[in-house]
Amino acid sequence: EDHGIDLSRQTLNAAILVATELLVPVVRAQADELIAGNYLQADETTVPCQVADKSGRNHLAYLWEYGRPGGPVVFDFRMGRGRKAGPGEFLKRFQGKLQSDGYAAYDKLGEGIRFVACMAHIRRKFVDTAKLTPLDPLPVEIVHQIGLLYKIEAEARSRNLNADQRLELRVSRSTPIMTALKARILQIRQEISPDRALAGACDYALGQWERMEEYLKDGQVEIDNNWCEGAMRPIALGRKNWLHIGDETAGPKIAAIISIVETCRRLDIPLREYLRDILPKLGTWPINRVGELTPTAWKAARSR
């Protein structure tokens, strides 16, 4: 369209898949950048995928997302949602803090991983309970208290605090709120019957609490996993516009382009400028130097 050339959708799709295949090694190098750090967020979502042995039905595949808040992100296509095929493989060399929801596949990934919970998921349980029982003041009370923690986080952002300064703010103001909040959730749980929806919200919160307190000990760690969830929204919206991934071999290529697009967005890199520069080089670029072409490296080279 930019050059007045009329191409069929099939031709365009084929060209995009060829280009994304070139990007797969770049995304592998980007994954190495992430694994070398000491803090990651993780999430996952479903993607329908055509397979030969399921005539008329799509297989439920998964895109696992790993990213650093404000930094690079990698989507990893897998045909299943299990620990071994997903985070167990991607994170086998990772040593540091991993923030996620309470999904069990993120557990038991290695002694070098310290797990961090997500306050947004804890809050959501109480919000959902408040919707089910609008006359019950207890879930609203907990949501309000969680809101006080988020106000402190908003203040840290508005003051542009660094990690050490944010940690100091949390220690002085967030820690007392967290202590009181846990005590209140425990009290509520002891006073209500197990079959109430509120009991489930309390159980989830208390089960995640030790991991949730990790954000009080490290200023680089976020209060929630919302960076990850934000990157998942375009995929959730996209599922309404496309039927499925054509086959299993296309999955890693689609994951590669999504990884590059989202990373460029986070790093404020002009996507077209980046792709126009690196794509012509990739065919002859030495594989042991492909790390020089990741969005992070590309941006750093231009800021010197």
C-alpha atoms as a PDB file:
ATOM      1  CA  GLU A   1       0.000   0.000   0.000  1.00  0.00           C
ATOM      2  CA  ASP A   2       2.831   2.411   0.829  1.00  0.00           C
ATOM      3  CA  HIS A   3       4.344   1.916  -2.625  1.00  0.00           C
ATOM      4  CA  GLY A   4       1.184   1.502  -4.686  1.00  0.00           C
ATOM      5  CA  ILE A   5       1.675  -2.263  -5.142  1.00  0.00           C
ATOM      6  CA  ASP A   6      -1.411  -4.458  -4.978  1.00  0.00           C
ATOM      7  CA  LEU A   7      -0.584  -7.763  -3.252  1.00  0.00           C
ATOM      8  CA  SER A   8      -2.916 -10.557  -2.220  1.00  0.00           C
ATOM      9  CA  ARG A   9      -3.334 -11.382   1.450  1.00  0.00           C
ATOM     10  CA  GLN A  10      -1.848 -14.832   0.841  1.00  0.00           C
ATOM     11  CA  THR A  11       1.325 -13.288  -0.642  1.00  0.00           C
ATOM     12  CA  LEU A  12       1.610 -10.827   2.218  1.00  0.00           C
ATOM     13  CA  ASN A  13       1.129 -13.568   4.814  1.00  0.00           C
ATOM     14  CA  ALA A  14       3.816 -15.706   3.174  1.00  0.00           C
ATOM     15  CA  ALA A  15       6.244 -12.783   3.105  1.00  0.00           C
ATOM     16  CA  ILE A  16       5.579 -11.981   6.757  1.00  0.00           C
ATOM     17  CA  LEU A  17       6.242 -15.587   7.796  1.00  0.00           C
ATOM     18  CA  VAL A  18       9.561 -15.582   5.912  1.00  0.00           C
ATOM     19  CA  ALA A  19      10.554 -12.346   7.648  1.00  0.00           C
ATOM     20  CA  THR A  20       9.494 -13.610  11.071  1.00  0.00           C
ATOM     21  CA  GLU A  21      11.523 -16.799  10.559  1.00  0.00           C
ATOM     22  CA  LEU A  22      14.575 -14.548  10.273  1.00  0.00           C
ATOM     23  CA  LEU A  23      13.609 -12.914  13.564  1.00  0.00           C
ATOM     24  CA  VAL A  24      13.508 -16.178  15.538  1.00  0.00           C
ATOM     25  CA  PRO A  25      17.289 -16.146  16.332  1.00  0.00           C
ATOM     26  CA  VAL A  26      17.021 -12.474  17.351  1.00  0.00           C
ATOM     27  CA  VAL A  27      14.284 -13.358  19.818  1.00  0.00           C
ATOM     28  CA  ARG A  28      16.393 -16.245  21.160  1.00  0.00           C
ATOM     29  CA  ALA A  29      19.156 -13.726  21.847  1.00  0.00           C
ATOM     30  CA  GLN A  30      16.558 -11.467  23.465  1.00  0.00           C
ATOM     31  CA  ALA A  31      15.543 -14.379  25.688  1.00  0.00           C
ATOM     32  CA  ASP A  32      19.186 -14.741  26.744  1.00  0.00           C
ATOM     33  CA  GLU A  33      19.127 -11.054  27.768  1.00  0.00           C
ATOM     34  CA  LEU A  34      16.105 -11.695  29.950  1.00  0.00           C
ATOM     35  CA  ILE A  35      17.474 -14.878  31.527  1.00  0.00           C
ATOM     36  CA  ALA A  36      20.705 -13.061  32.400  1.00  0.00           C
ATOM     37  CA  GLY A  37      18.755 -10.600  34.571  1.00  0.00           C
ATOM     38  CA  ASN A  38      17.479 -11.186  38.092  1.00  0.00           C
ATOM     39  CA  TYR A  39      13.790 -10.250  37.781  1.00  0.00           C
ATOM     40  CA  LEU A  40      11.127 -11.465  35.362  1.00  0.00           C
ATOM     41  CA  GLN A  41       7.366 -11.388  35.052  1.00  0.00           C
ATOM     42  CA  ALA A  42       5.480 -14.276  33.457  1.00  0.00           C
ATOM     43  CA  ASP A  43       1.994 -14.927  32.125  1.00  0.00           C
ATOM     44  CA  GLU A  44       0.294 -17.172  29.562  1.00  0.00           C
ATOM     45  CA  THR A  45      -2.708 -17.197  27.257  1.00  0.00           C
ATOM     46  CA  THR A  46      -4.359 -19.570  24.827  1.00  0.00           C
ATOM     47  CA  VAL A  47      -4.092 -19.482  21.033  1.00  0.00           C
ATOM     48  CA  PRO A  48      -6.064 -21.813  18.723  1.00  0.00           C
ATOM     49  CA  CYS A  49      -3.818 -23.798  16.400  1.00  0.00           C
ATOM     50  CA  GLN A  50      -4.720 -26.070  13.489  1.00  0.00           C
ATOM     51  CA  VAL A  51      -3.373 -29.618  13.671  1.00  0.00           C
ATOM     52  CA  ALA A  52      -3.697 -32.421  11.139  1.00  0.00           C
ATOM     53  CA  ASP A  53      -5.177 -35.003  13.513  1.00  0.00           C
ATOM     54  CA  LYS A  54      -8.059 -32.791  14.708  1.00  0.00           C
ATOM     55  CA  SER A  55     -10.226 -32.385  11.653  1.00  0.00           C
ATOM     56  CA  GLY A  56     -12.671 -29.540  12.139  1.00  0.00           C
ATOM     57  CA  ARG A  57     -11.297 -28.618  15.562  1.00  0.00           C
ATOM     58  CA  ASN A  58      -8.407 -26.455  16.693  1.00  0.00           C
ATOM     59  CA  HIS A  59      -5.830 -27.517  19.250  1.00  0.00           C
ATOM     60  CA  LEU A  60      -5.553 -25.228  22.274  1.00  0.00           C
ATOM     61  CA  ALA A  61      -1.938 -24.040  22.186  1.00  0.00           C
ATOM     62  CA  TYR A  62      -0.319 -21.448  24.467  1.00  0.00           C
ATOM     63  CA  LEU A  63       1.754 -18.313  24.280  1.00  0.00           C
ATOM     64  CA  TRP A  64       3.893 -17.981  27.387  1.00  0.00           C
ATOM     65  CA  GLU A  65       5.118 -14.446  28.030  1.00  0.00           C
ATOM     66  CA  TYR A  66       8.305 -13.500  29.907  1.00  0.00           C
ATOM     67  CA  GLY A  67       9.329  -9.884  30.315  1.00  0.00           C
ATOM     68  CA  ARG A  68      11.014  -7.218  32.340  1.00  0.00           C
ATOM     69  CA  PRO A  69       8.842  -4.219  33.284  1.00  0.00           C
ATOM     70  CA  GLY A  70       9.714  -1.420  30.889  1.00  0.00           C
ATOM     71  CA  GLY A  71      12.168  -3.722  29.106  1.00  0.00           C
ATOM     72  CA  PRO A  72      12.290  -6.586  26.607  1.00  0.00           C
ATOM     73  CA  VAL A  73       9.629  -9.247  26.396  1.00  0.00           C
ATOM     74  CA  VAL A  74       9.616 -12.704  24.798  1.00  0.00           C
ATOM     75  CA  PHE A  75       6.599 -14.773  23.799  1.00  0.00           C
ATOM     76  CA  ASP A  76       7.263 -18.508  23.738  1.00  0.00           C
ATOM     77  CA  PHE A  77       4.871 -20.683  21.700  1.00  0.00           C
ATOM     78  CA  ARG A  78       4.095 -24.104  23.135  1.00  0.00           C
ATOM     79  CA  MET A  79       1.476 -26.688  22.285  1.00  0.00           C
ATOM     80  CA  GLY A  80       0.636 -27.233  25.965  1.00  0.00           C
ATOM     81  CA  ARG A  81       0.279 -25.476  29.314  1.00  0.00           C
ATOM     82  CA  GLY A  82       2.351 -27.821  31.463  1.00  0.00           C
ATOM     83  CA  ARG A  83       5.352 -26.812  33.530  1.00  0.00           C
ATOM     84  CA  LYS A  84       7.873 -28.967  31.679  1.00  0.00           C
ATOM     85  CA  ALA A  85       6.903 -27.777  28.193  1.00  0.00           C
ATOM     86  CA  GLY A  86       6.543 -24.140  29.227  1.00  0.00           C
ATOM     87  CA  PRO A  87       8.383 -22.313  32.021  1.00  0.00           C
ATOM     88  CA  GLY A  88      10.406 -25.389  32.968  1.00  0.00           C
ATOM     89  CA  GLU A  89      12.217 -25.211  29.639  1.00  0.00           C
ATOM     90  CA  PHE A  90      12.418 -21.437  29.173  1.00  0.00           C
ATOM     91  CA  LEU A  91      13.522 -20.653  32.733  1.00  0.00           C
ATOM     92  CA  LYS A  92      15.894 -23.569  33.335  1.00  0.00           C
ATOM     93  CA  ARG A  93      18.900 -21.185  33.445  1.00  0.00           C
ATOM     94  CA  PHE A  94      17.155 -18.308  35.239  1.00  0.00           C
ATOM     95  CA  GLN A  95      18.314 -17.251  38.696  1.00  0.00           C
ATOM     96  CA  GLY A  96      16.278 -14.501  40.340  1.00  0.00           C
ATOM     97  CA  LYS A  97      12.760 -13.309  41.135  1.00  0.00           C
ATOM     98  CA  LEU A  98       9.836 -14.524  39.057  1.00  0.00           C
ATOM     99  CA  GLN A  99       6.519 -12.691  39.376  1.00  0.00           C
ATOM    100  CA  SER A 100       3.329 -14.390  38.243  1.00  0.00           C
ATOM    101  CA  ASP A 101      -0.198 -15.303  39.250  1.00  0.00           C
ATOM    102  CA  GLY A 102      -0.885 -18.384  41.352  1.00  0.00           C
ATOM    103  CA  TYR A 103      -0.833 -20.903  38.486  1.00  0.00           C
ATOM    104  CA  ALA A 104       0.941 -24.051  39.691  1.00  0.00           C
ATOM    105  CA  ALA A 105       3.054 -24.444  36.518  1.00  0.00           C
ATOM    106  CA  TYR A 106       5.292 -21.637  37.808  1.00  0.00           C
ATOM    107  CA  ASP A 107       6.053 -23.548  41.020  1.00  0.00           C
ATOM    108  CA  LYS A 108       9.047 -25.813  41.615  1.00  0.00           C
ATOM    109  CA  LEU A 109      11.139 -24.435  38.782  1.00  0.00           C
ATOM    110  CA  GLY A 110      14.448 -24.538  40.616  1.00  0.00           C
ATOM    111  CA  GLU A 111      16.178 -23.518  43.814  1.00  0.00           C
ATOM    112  CA  GLY A 112      17.566 -20.367  42.205  1.00  0.00           C
ATOM    113  CA  ILE A 113      14.124 -18.844  41.653  1.00  0.00           C
ATOM    114  CA  ARG A 114      12.364 -16.718  44.247  1.00  0.00           C
ATOM    115  CA  PHE A 115       8.653 -16.368  43.564  1.00  0.00           C
ATOM    116  CA  VAL A 116       6.708 -13.102  43.727  1.00  0.00           C
ATOM    117  CA  ALA A 117       2.915 -12.899  43.699  1.00  0.00           C
ATOM    118  CA  CYS A 118       0.652 -10.393  41.938  1.00  0.00           C
ATOM    119  CA  MET A 119      -1.545  -8.017  43.935  1.00  0.00           C
ATOM    120  CA  ALA A 120      -3.815  -7.416  40.936  1.00  0.00           C
ATOM    121  CA  HIS A 121      -4.856 -11.085  41.007  1.00  0.00           C
ATOM    122  CA  ILE A 122      -5.461 -10.946  44.772  1.00  0.00           C
ATOM    123  CA  ARG A 123      -7.512  -7.765  44.376  1.00  0.00           C
ATOM    124  CA  ARG A 124      -9.510  -9.249  41.493  1.00  0.00           C
ATOM    125  CA  LYS A 125     -10.762 -12.093  43.695  1.00  0.00           C
ATOM    126  CA  PHE A 126     -12.269  -9.590  46.149  1.00  0.00           C
ATOM    127  CA  VAL A 127     -13.651  -7.412  43.344  1.00  0.00           C
ATOM    128  CA  ASP A 128     -15.396 -10.444  41.840  1.00  0.00           C
ATOM    129  CA  THR A 129     -16.774 -11.365  45.263  1.00  0.00           C
ATOM    130  CA  ALA A 130     -18.076  -7.819  45.759  1.00  0.00           C
ATOM    131  CA  LYS A 131     -19.969  -8.111  42.462  1.00  0.00           C
ATOM    132  CA  LEU A 132     -21.524 -11.409  43.556  1.00  0.00           C
ATOM    133  CA  THR A 133     -22.535 -10.063  46.973  1.00  0.00           C
ATOM    134  CA  PRO A 134     -23.026  -6.294  46.543  1.00  0.00           C
ATOM    135  CA  LEU A 135     -24.558  -5.868  50.012  1.00  0.00           C
ATOM    136  CA  ASP A 136     -21.566  -7.414  51.797  1.00  0.00           C
ATOM    137  CA  PRO A 137     -19.200  -4.666  53.048  1.00  0.00           C
ATOM    138  CA  LEU A 138     -16.267  -7.006  53.714  1.00  0.00           C
ATOM    139  CA  PRO A 139     -14.861  -7.508  50.170  1.00  0.00           C
ATOM    140  CA  VAL A 140     -15.250  -3.764  49.539  1.00  0.00           C
ATOM    141  CA  GLU A 141     -13.270  -3.089  52.707  1.00  0.00           C
ATOM    142  CA  ILE A 142     -10.384  -5.278  51.504  1.00  0.00           C
ATOM    143  CA  VAL A 143     -10.429  -3.709  48.025  1.00  0.00           C
ATOM    144  CA  HIS A 144     -10.219  -0.269  49.659  1.00  0.00           C
ATOM    145  CA  GLN A 145      -7.205  -1.301  51.742  1.00  0.00           C
ATOM    146  CA  ILE A 146      -5.451  -2.702  48.671  1.00  0.00           C
ATOM    147  CA  GLY A 147      -6.185   0.611  46.990  1.00  0.00           C
ATOM    148  CA  LEU A 148      -4.078   2.359  49.625  1.00  0.00           C
ATOM    149  CA  LEU A 149      -1.098   0.259  48.546  1.00  0.00           C
ATOM    150  CA  TYR A 150      -1.664   1.267  44.926  1.00  0.00           C
ATOM    151  CA  LYS A 151      -1.805   4.945  45.902  1.00  0.00           C
ATOM    152  CA  ILE A 152       1.699   4.584  47.352  1.00  0.00           C
ATOM    153  CA  GLU A 153       2.874   2.994  44.111  1.00  0.00           C
ATOM    154  CA  ALA A 154       1.302   5.832  42.115  1.00  0.00           C
ATOM    155  CA  GLU A 155       3.101   8.351  44.321  1.00  0.00           C
ATOM    156  CA  ALA A 156       6.414   6.589  43.698  1.00  0.00           C
ATOM    157  CA  ARG A 157       5.830   6.840  39.939  1.00  0.00           C
ATOM    158  CA  SER A 158       4.781  10.486  40.080  1.00  0.00           C
ATOM    159  CA  ARG A 159       7.934  11.320  42.049  1.00  0.00           C
ATOM    160  CA  ASN A 160      10.014   9.271  39.602  1.00  0.00           C
ATOM    161  CA  LEU A 161      11.664   7.355  42.439  1.00  0.00           C
ATOM    162  CA  ASN A 162      14.464   4.918  41.698  1.00  0.00           C
ATOM    163  CA  ALA A 163      14.426   1.353  43.057  1.00  0.00           C
ATOM    164  CA  ASP A 164      16.173   2.240  46.341  1.00  0.00           C
ATOM    165  CA  GLN A 165      13.885   5.203  46.975  1.00  0.00           C
ATOM    166  CA  ARG A 166      10.788   3.173  46.152  1.00  0.00           C
ATOM    167  CA  LEU A 167      11.918   0.465  48.568  1.00  0.00           C
ATOM    168  CA  GLU A 168      12.355   3.056  51.317  1.00  0.00           C
ATOM    169  CA  LEU A 169       8.841   4.380  50.666  1.00  0.00           C
ATOM    170  CA  ARG A 170       7.375   0.890  50.794  1.00  0.00           C
ATOM    171  CA  VAL A 171       9.170  -0.021  54.020  1.00  0.00           C
ATOM    172  CA  SER A 172       7.873   3.085  55.785  1.00  0.00           C
ATOM    173  CA  ARG A 173       4.316   3.178  54.431  1.00  0.00           C
ATOM    174  CA  SER A 174       3.328  -0.014  52.591  1.00  0.00           C
ATOM    175  CA  THR A 175       4.621  -2.555  55.104  1.00  0.00           C
ATOM    176  CA  PRO A 176       2.297  -1.436  57.953  1.00  0.00           C
ATOM    177  CA  ILE A 177      -0.696  -1.567  55.583  1.00  0.00           C
ATOM    178  CA  MET A 178       0.264  -5.039  54.393  1.00  0.00           C
ATOM    179  CA  THR A 179       0.623  -6.266  57.991  1.00  0.00           C
ATOM    180  CA  ALA A 180      -2.790  -4.914  58.956  1.00  0.00           C
ATOM    181  CA  LEU A 181      -4.355  -6.219  55.744  1.00  0.00           C
ATOM    182  CA  LYS A 182      -3.156  -9.773  56.324  1.00  0.00           C
ATOM    183  CA  ALA A 183      -4.481  -9.697  59.893  1.00  0.00           C
ATOM    184  CA  ARG A 184      -7.863  -8.455  58.673  1.00  0.00           C
ATOM    185  CA  ILE A 185      -8.134 -11.115  55.950  1.00  0.00           C
ATOM    186  CA  LEU A 186      -7.254 -13.796  58.520  1.00  0.00           C
ATOM    187  CA  GLN A 187      -9.922 -12.461  60.864  1.00  0.00           C
ATOM    188  CA  ILE A 188     -12.560 -12.388  58.147  1.00  0.00           C
ATOM    189  CA  ARG A 189     -11.682 -15.924  57.039  1.00  0.00           C
ATOM    190  CA  GLN A 190     -12.062 -17.255  60.571  1.00  0.00           C
ATOM    191  CA  GLU A 191     -15.484 -15.657  60.934  1.00  0.00           C
ATOM    192  CA  ILE A 192     -17.140 -16.841  57.697  1.00  0.00           C
ATOM    193  CA  SER A 193     -18.179 -20.254  56.403  1.00  0.00           C
ATOM    194  CA  PRO A 194     -15.916 -22.049  53.884  1.00  0.00           C
ATOM    195  CA  ASP A 195     -18.637 -22.198  51.240  1.00  0.00           C
ATOM    196  CA  ARG A 196     -18.857 -18.424  50.804  1.00  0.00           C
ATOM    197  CA  ALA A 197     -17.229 -16.827  47.758  1.00  0.00           C
ATOM    198  CA  LEU A 198     -15.409 -14.475  50.105  1.00  0.00           C
ATOM    199  CA  ALA A 199     -13.730 -17.471  51.750  1.00  0.00           C
ATOM    200  CA  GLY A 200     -12.200 -18.417  48.400  1.00  0.00           C
ATOM    201  CA  ALA A 201     -10.865 -14.891  47.920  1.00  0.00           C
ATOM    202  CA  CYS A 202      -9.366 -14.940  51.414  1.00  0.00           C
ATOM    203  CA  ASP A 203      -7.800 -18.373  50.878  1.00  0.00           C
ATOM    204  CA  TYR A 204      -6.206 -17.275  47.610  1.00  0.00           C
ATOM    205  CA  ALA A 205      -4.817 -14.113  49.197  1.00  0.00           C
ATOM    206  CA  LEU A 206      -3.411 -15.899  52.231  1.00  0.00           C
ATOM    207  CA  GLY A 207      -1.936 -18.643  50.050  1.00  0.00           C
ATOM    208  CA  GLN A 208      -0.085 -16.003  48.017  1.00  0.00           C
ATOM    209  CA  TRP A 209       0.807 -13.697  50.910  1.00  0.00           C
ATOM    210  CA  GLU A 210       4.374 -14.796  51.594  1.00  0.00           C
ATOM    211  CA  ARG A 211       5.195 -14.355  47.921  1.00  0.00           C
ATOM    212  CA  MET A 212       3.325 -11.050  47.836  1.00  0.00           C
ATOM    213  CA  GLU A 213       5.515  -9.659  50.609  1.00  0.00           C
ATOM    214  CA  GLU A 214       8.543 -10.002  48.320  1.00  0.00           C
ATOM    215  CA  TYR A 215       7.673  -6.696  46.665  1.00  0.00           C
ATOM    216  CA  LEU A 216       8.253  -5.007  50.032  1.00  0.00           C
ATOM    217  CA  LYS A 217      11.882  -6.186  49.990  1.00  0.00           C
ATOM    218  CA  ASP A 218      13.010  -5.081  46.514  1.00  0.00           C
ATOM    219  CA  GLY A 219      12.346  -1.713  44.906  1.00  0.00           C
ATOM    220  CA  GLN A 220      12.763  -3.035  41.366  1.00  0.00           C
ATOM    221  CA  VAL A 221       9.884  -5.494  41.818  1.00  0.00           C
ATOM    222  CA  GLU A 222       6.404  -4.299  40.852  1.00  0.00           C
ATOM    223  CA  ILE A 223       3.338  -4.680  43.044  1.00  0.00           C
ATOM    224  CA  ASP A 224       1.602  -6.643  40.301  1.00  0.00           C
ATOM    225  CA  ASN A 225       2.007  -8.398  36.980  1.00  0.00           C
ATOM    226  CA  ASN A 226       0.222  -5.723  34.961  1.00  0.00           C
ATOM    227  CA  TRP A 227       3.141  -5.134  32.575  1.00  0.00           C
ATOM    228  CA  CYS A 228       2.674  -8.738  31.456  1.00  0.00           C
ATOM    229  CA  GLU A 229      -1.089  -8.536  31.293  1.00  0.00           C
ATOM    230  CA  GLY A 230      -0.881  -5.338  29.244  1.00  0.00           C
ATOM    231  CA  ALA A 231       1.209  -7.116  26.621  1.00  0.00           C
ATOM    232  CA  MET A 232      -1.372  -9.918  26.461  1.00  0.00           C
ATOM    233  CA  ARG A 233      -4.307  -7.616  25.630  1.00  0.00           C
ATOM    234  CA  PRO A 234      -3.502  -7.260  21.898  1.00  0.00           C
ATOM    235  CA  ILE A 235      -3.436 -11.061  21.620  1.00  0.00           C
ATOM    236  CA  ALA A 236      -6.802 -11.352  23.371  1.00  0.00           C
ATOM    237  CA  LEU A 237      -8.223  -8.732  21.001  1.00  0.00           C
ATOM    238  CA  GLY A 238      -6.544 -10.398  18.024  1.00  0.00           C
ATOM    239  CA  ARG A 239      -8.255 -13.715  18.701  1.00  0.00           C
ATOM    240  CA  LYS A 240     -11.517 -12.012  17.750  1.00  0.00           C
ATOM    241  CA  ASN A 241     -10.109 -11.052  14.337  1.00  0.00           C
ATOM    242  CA  TRP A 242      -8.222 -14.181  13.270  1.00  0.00           C
ATOM    243  CA  LEU A 243      -9.405 -17.769  13.470  1.00  0.00           C
ATOM    244  CA  HIS A 244      -6.250 -19.646  14.439  1.00  0.00           C
ATOM    245  CA  ILE A 245      -2.554 -20.205  13.882  1.00  0.00           C
ATOM    246  CA  GLY A 246      -2.249 -22.230  10.671  1.00  0.00           C
ATOM    247  CA  ASP A 247      -0.037 -24.992  12.052  1.00  0.00           C
ATOM    248  CA  GLU A 248       2.429 -25.807  14.812  1.00  0.00           C
ATOM    249  CA  THR A 249       5.466 -24.656  12.790  1.00  0.00           C
ATOM    250  CA  ALA A 250       3.974 -21.164  12.391  1.00  0.00           C
ATOM    251  CA  GLY A 251       3.645 -20.730  16.161  1.00  0.00           C
ATOM    252  CA  PRO A 252       7.277 -19.799  16.962  1.00  0.00           C
ATOM    253  CA  LYS A 253       7.350 -17.375  14.025  1.00  0.00           C
ATOM    254  CA  ILE A 254       4.199 -15.600  15.191  1.00  0.00           C
ATOM    255  CA  ALA A 255       5.609 -15.520  18.722  1.00  0.00           C
ATOM    256  CA  ALA A 256       8.823 -13.961  17.397  1.00  0.00           C
ATOM    257  CA  ILE A 257       7.137 -11.034  15.668  1.00  0.00           C
ATOM    258  CA  ILE A 258       4.878 -10.393  18.678  1.00  0.00           C
ATOM    259  CA  SER A 259       8.002 -10.366  20.877  1.00  0.00           C
ATOM    260  CA  ILE A 260       9.726  -7.815  18.644  1.00  0.00           C
ATOM    261  CA  VAL A 261       6.658  -5.584  18.275  1.00  0.00           C
ATOM    262  CA  GLU A 262       5.955  -5.477  22.011  1.00  0.00           C
ATOM    263  CA  THR A 263       9.615  -4.917  22.923  1.00  0.00           C
ATOM    264  CA  CYS A 264       9.900  -2.033  20.458  1.00  0.00           C
ATOM    265  CA  ARG A 265       6.728  -0.536  21.910  1.00  0.00           C
ATOM    266  CA  ARG A 266       8.069  -0.764  25.460  1.00  0.00           C
ATOM    267  CA  LEU A 267      11.466   0.674  24.514  1.00  0.00           C
ATOM    268  CA  ASP A 268       9.936   3.435  22.368  1.00  0.00           C
ATOM    269  CA  ILE A 269      11.737   2.156  19.252  1.00  0.00           C
ATOM    270  CA  PRO A 270      10.230   2.973  15.813  1.00  0.00           C
ATOM    271  CA  LEU A 271       9.277  -0.520  14.657  1.00  0.00           C
ATOM    272  CA  ARG A 272       9.581   0.118  10.924  1.00  0.00           C
ATOM    273  CA  GLU A 273      12.963   1.799  11.308  1.00  0.00           C
ATOM    274  CA  TYR A 274      14.236  -1.113  13.391  1.00  0.00           C
ATOM    275  CA  LEU A 275      12.969  -3.795  10.974  1.00  0.00           C
ATOM    276  CA  ARG A 276      14.222  -1.948   7.896  1.00  0.00           C
ATOM    277  CA  ASP A 277      17.671  -1.864   9.424  1.00  0.00           C
ATOM    278  CA  ILE A 278      18.034  -5.418  10.728  1.00  0.00           C
ATOM    279  CA  LEU A 279      16.008  -7.584   8.320  1.00  0.00           C
ATOM    280  CA  PRO A 280      18.340  -7.059   5.307  1.00  0.00           C
ATOM    281  CA  LYS A 281      21.315  -7.979   7.506  1.00  0.00           C
ATOM    282  CA  LEU A 282      19.979 -11.188   8.989  1.00  0.00           C
ATOM    283  CA  GLY A 283      20.562 -13.419   5.981  1.00  0.00           C
ATOM    284  CA  THR A 284      24.361 -13.065   6.208  1.00  0.00           C
ATOM    285  CA  TRP A 285      24.791 -11.969   9.828  1.00  0.00           C
ATOM    286  CA  PRO A 286      27.041 -14.266  11.950  1.00  0.00           C
ATOM    287  CA  ILE A 287      24.870 -16.273  14.321  1.00  0.00           C
ATOM    288  CA  ASN A 288      27.298 -15.693  17.207  1.00  0.00           C
ATOM    289  CA  ARG A 289      26.720 -11.934  16.871  1.00  0.00           C
ATOM    290  CA  VAL A 290      22.939 -11.962  16.576  1.00  0.00           C
ATOM    291  CA  GLY A 291      22.701 -10.470  20.072  1.00  0.00           C
ATOM    292  CA  GLU A 292      23.876  -7.192  18.536  1.00  0.00           C
ATOM    293  CA  LEU A 293      20.583  -6.949  16.643  1.00  0.00           C
ATOM    294  CA  THR A 294      18.075  -7.254  19.492  1.00  0.00           C
ATOM    295  CA  PRO A 295      15.958  -4.132  20.073  1.00  0.00           C
ATOM    296  CA  THR A 296      17.796  -3.462  23.339  1.00  0.00           C
ATOM    297  CA  ALA A 297      21.215  -3.637  21.682  1.00  0.00           C
ATOM    298  CA  TRP A 298      19.997  -1.719  18.626  1.00  0.00           C
ATOM    299  CA  LYS A 299      18.730   1.159  20.769  1.00  0.00           C
ATOM    300  CA  ALA A 300      21.878   1.208  22.908  1.00  0.00           C
ATOM    301  CA  ALA A 301      24.082   1.427  19.798  1.00  0.00           C
ATOM    302  CA  ARG A 302      22.176   4.469  18.590  1.00  0.00           C
ATOM    303  CA  SER A 303      22.370   6.302  21.886  1.00  0.00           C
ATOM    304  CA  ARG A 304      26.152   6.270  22.021  1.00  0.00           C
END
